[in-house]
């Protein structure tokens, strides 16, 4: 799993959300959230923003790669 996508899983767990629950909140399937967390799916900017709002994070927090 790529490190940058691990941030999404950590934030989701911190909010006590399953992949299914996060998926429902942002309007995608559980499989999509799973693929994003594995680094196998490149989400749209709109989906990134929805995930950030749901998890109370910024785009930098979840999607910007560490140097």
N, C-alpha and C. Protein backbone atom coordinates (compact mmCIF):
# COMPACT_ATOMS: atom_id res chain seq x y z
N UNK A 1 0.85 -1.18 0.00
CA UNK A 1 0.00 0.00 0.00
C UNK A 1 0.89 1.24 0.00
N UNK A 2 0.58 2.18 -0.89
CA UNK A 2 1.36 3.41 -0.93
C UNK A 2 1.11 4.21 0.34
N UNK A 3 2.16 4.86 0.80
CA UNK A 3 2.05 5.62 2.05
C UNK A 3 0.98 6.70 1.99
N UNK A 4 0.88 7.40 0.84
CA UNK A 4 -0.07 8.50 0.79
C UNK A 4 -1.51 8.00 0.95
N UNK A 5 -1.79 6.81 0.47
CA UNK A 5 -3.15 6.29 0.60
C UNK A 5 -3.41 5.71 1.98
N UNK A 6 -2.37 5.36 2.69
CA UNK A 6 -2.52 4.88 4.06
C UNK A 6 -3.14 5.98 4.93
N UNK A 7 -2.86 7.24 4.59
CA UNK A 7 -3.42 8.36 5.34
C UNK A 7 -4.94 8.34 5.31
N UNK A 8 -5.51 7.95 4.20
CA UNK A 8 -6.97 7.90 4.08
C UNK A 8 -7.53 6.84 5.01
N UNK A 9 -6.92 5.68 5.03
CA UNK A 9 -7.39 4.61 5.91
C UNK A 9 -7.28 5.02 7.37
N UNK A 10 -6.15 5.63 7.74
CA UNK A 10 -5.95 6.06 9.13
C UNK A 10 -7.03 7.08 9.52
N UNK A 11 -7.28 8.05 8.65
CA UNK A 11 -8.30 9.06 8.95
C UNK A 11 -9.69 8.43 9.04
N UNK A 12 -9.97 7.46 8.19
CA UNK A 12 -11.27 6.78 8.22
C UNK A 12 -11.44 6.03 9.53
N UNK A 13 -10.41 5.32 9.95
CA UNK A 13 -10.46 4.56 11.21
C UNK A 13 -10.59 5.52 12.40
N UNK A 14 -9.90 6.65 12.34
CA UNK A 14 -10.01 7.65 13.41
C UNK A 14 -11.44 8.14 13.58
N UNK A 15 -12.18 8.17 12.48
CA UNK A 15 -13.59 8.60 12.51
C UNK A 15 -14.53 7.41 12.75
N UNK A 16 -13.95 6.25 13.02
CA UNK A 16 -14.73 5.05 13.30
C UNK A 16 -15.70 4.72 12.17
N UNK A 17 -15.21 4.84 10.94
CA UNK A 17 -16.02 4.55 9.76
C UNK A 17 -15.47 3.32 9.05
N UNK A 18 -16.37 2.47 8.60
CA UNK A 18 -15.97 1.36 7.74
C UNK A 18 -15.82 1.90 6.32
N UNK A 19 -15.23 1.09 5.45
CA UNK A 19 -15.15 1.49 4.04
C UNK A 19 -16.56 1.72 3.50
N UNK A 20 -17.49 0.85 3.87
CA UNK A 20 -18.88 0.96 3.41
C UNK A 20 -19.51 2.28 3.85
N UNK A 21 -19.29 2.64 5.12
CA UNK A 21 -19.89 3.88 5.65
C UNK A 21 -19.30 5.12 4.97
N UNK A 22 -17.98 5.14 4.78
CA UNK A 22 -17.37 6.26 4.08
C UNK A 22 -17.88 6.33 2.65
N UNK A 23 -17.97 5.18 2.01
CA UNK A 23 -18.45 5.13 0.62
C UNK A 23 -19.85 5.73 0.50
N UNK A 24 -20.75 5.37 1.41
CA UNK A 24 -22.11 5.91 1.37
C UNK A 24 -22.10 7.42 1.56
N UNK A 25 -21.26 7.92 2.44
CA UNK A 25 -21.20 9.36 2.72
C UNK A 25 -20.70 10.15 1.51
N UNK A 26 -19.81 9.57 0.74
CA UNK A 26 -19.24 10.30 -0.40
C UNK A 26 -19.83 9.86 -1.75
N UNK A 27 -20.74 8.90 -1.73
CA UNK A 27 -21.47 8.54 -2.95
C UNK A 27 -20.74 7.62 -3.91
N UNK A 28 -19.91 6.72 -3.37
CA UNK A 28 -19.25 5.72 -4.21
C UNK A 28 -19.46 4.34 -3.59
N UNK A 29 -18.92 3.32 -4.23
CA UNK A 29 -19.03 1.97 -3.69
C UNK A 29 -17.93 1.69 -2.68
N UNK A 30 -18.14 0.69 -1.85
CA UNK A 30 -17.11 0.26 -0.90
C UNK A 30 -15.87 -0.16 -1.66
N UNK A 31 -16.06 -0.81 -2.80
CA UNK A 31 -14.92 -1.27 -3.59
C UNK A 31 -14.05 -0.09 -4.03
N UNK A 32 -14.68 1.04 -4.37
CA UNK A 32 -13.92 2.22 -4.77
C UNK A 32 -13.05 2.72 -3.63
N UNK A 33 -13.61 2.79 -2.43
CA UNK A 33 -12.84 3.23 -1.26
C UNK A 33 -11.68 2.26 -1.04
N UNK A 34 -11.94 0.96 -1.14
CA UNK A 34 -10.89 -0.04 -0.97
C UNK A 34 -9.76 0.15 -1.97
N UNK A 35 -10.12 0.41 -3.22
CA UNK A 35 -9.11 0.61 -4.26
C UNK A 35 -8.31 1.89 -4.03
N UNK A 36 -8.98 2.94 -3.58
CA UNK A 36 -8.28 4.20 -3.27
C UNK A 36 -7.27 3.95 -2.15
N UNK A 37 -7.71 3.24 -1.11
CA UNK A 37 -6.82 2.96 0.02
C UNK A 37 -5.63 2.08 -0.38
N UNK A 38 -5.81 1.26 -1.41
CA UNK A 38 -4.72 0.41 -1.90
C UNK A 38 -3.83 1.12 -2.91
N UNK A 39 -4.22 2.33 -3.30
CA UNK A 39 -3.46 3.06 -4.31
C UNK A 39 -3.67 2.55 -5.71
N UNK A 40 -4.80 1.85 -5.93
CA UNK A 40 -5.07 1.26 -7.25
C UNK A 40 -6.14 2.02 -8.03
N UNK A 41 -6.62 3.13 -7.46
CA UNK A 41 -7.65 3.93 -8.12
C UNK A 41 -7.31 5.39 -7.89
N UNK A 42 -7.30 6.17 -8.96
CA UNK A 42 -7.00 7.58 -8.88
C UNK A 42 -8.33 8.34 -8.83
N UNK A 43 -8.73 8.82 -7.64
CA UNK A 43 -10.04 9.47 -7.52
C UNK A 43 -10.05 10.85 -8.19
N UNK A 44 -11.24 11.26 -8.61
CA UNK A 44 -11.41 12.60 -9.18
C UNK A 44 -11.18 13.64 -8.08
N UNK A 45 -10.94 14.86 -8.49
CA UNK A 45 -10.76 15.94 -7.52
C UNK A 45 -12.02 16.09 -6.66
N UNK A 46 -13.18 15.98 -7.29
CA UNK A 46 -14.44 16.11 -6.54
C UNK A 46 -14.55 15.02 -5.47
N UNK A 47 -14.18 13.81 -5.80
CA UNK A 47 -14.22 12.72 -4.83
C UNK A 47 -13.19 12.97 -3.72
N UNK A 48 -12.01 13.44 -4.08
CA UNK A 48 -11.00 13.77 -3.07
C UNK A 48 -11.55 14.80 -2.08
N UNK A 49 -12.20 15.84 -2.61
CA UNK A 49 -12.76 16.89 -1.76
C UNK A 49 -13.85 16.32 -0.87
N UNK A 50 -14.70 15.46 -1.40
CA UNK A 50 -15.77 14.84 -0.59
C UNK A 50 -15.19 14.00 0.54
N UNK A 51 -14.16 13.23 0.23
CA UNK A 51 -13.51 12.41 1.26
C UNK A 51 -12.91 13.31 2.34
N UNK A 52 -12.24 14.37 1.92
CA UNK A 52 -11.62 15.30 2.88
C UNK A 52 -12.66 15.94 3.79
N UNK A 53 -13.76 16.41 3.21
CA UNK A 53 -14.81 17.03 4.02
C UNK A 53 -15.39 16.04 5.02
N UNK A 54 -15.62 14.82 4.57
CA UNK A 54 -16.19 13.79 5.44
C UNK A 54 -15.25 13.44 6.58
N UNK A 55 -13.96 13.44 6.32
CA UNK A 55 -12.97 13.05 7.33
C UNK A 55 -12.33 14.25 8.04
N UNK A 56 -12.86 15.45 7.80
CA UNK A 56 -12.34 16.67 8.43
C UNK A 56 -10.84 16.85 8.20
N UNK A 57 -10.43 16.63 6.96
CA UNK A 57 -9.02 16.77 6.58
C UNK A 57 -8.93 17.68 5.36
N UNK A 58 -7.72 18.15 5.08
CA UNK A 58 -7.48 18.94 3.87
C UNK A 58 -6.95 18.03 2.77
N UNK A 59 -6.94 18.54 1.56
CA UNK A 59 -6.34 17.78 0.45
C UNK A 59 -4.87 17.49 0.76
N UNK A 60 -4.18 18.48 1.34
CA UNK A 60 -2.78 18.27 1.70
C UNK A 60 -2.64 17.14 2.71
N UNK A 61 -3.55 17.10 3.69
CA UNK A 61 -3.48 16.05 4.73
C UNK A 61 -3.55 14.65 4.12
N UNK A 62 -4.45 14.46 3.18
CA UNK A 62 -4.73 13.09 2.70
C UNK A 62 -4.10 12.74 1.36
N UNK A 63 -3.93 13.72 0.47
CA UNK A 63 -3.56 13.35 -0.90
C UNK A 63 -2.21 13.88 -1.35
N UNK A 64 -1.58 14.77 -0.60
CA UNK A 64 -0.29 15.30 -1.02
C UNK A 64 0.80 14.34 -0.59
N UNK A 65 1.68 13.99 -1.49
CA UNK A 65 2.75 13.05 -1.17
C UNK A 65 3.79 13.71 -0.28
N UNK A 66 4.26 12.96 0.70
CA UNK A 66 5.34 13.44 1.55
C UNK A 66 6.63 13.49 0.74
N UNK A 67 7.46 14.46 1.05
CA UNK A 67 8.74 14.58 0.33
C UNK A 67 9.75 13.59 0.87
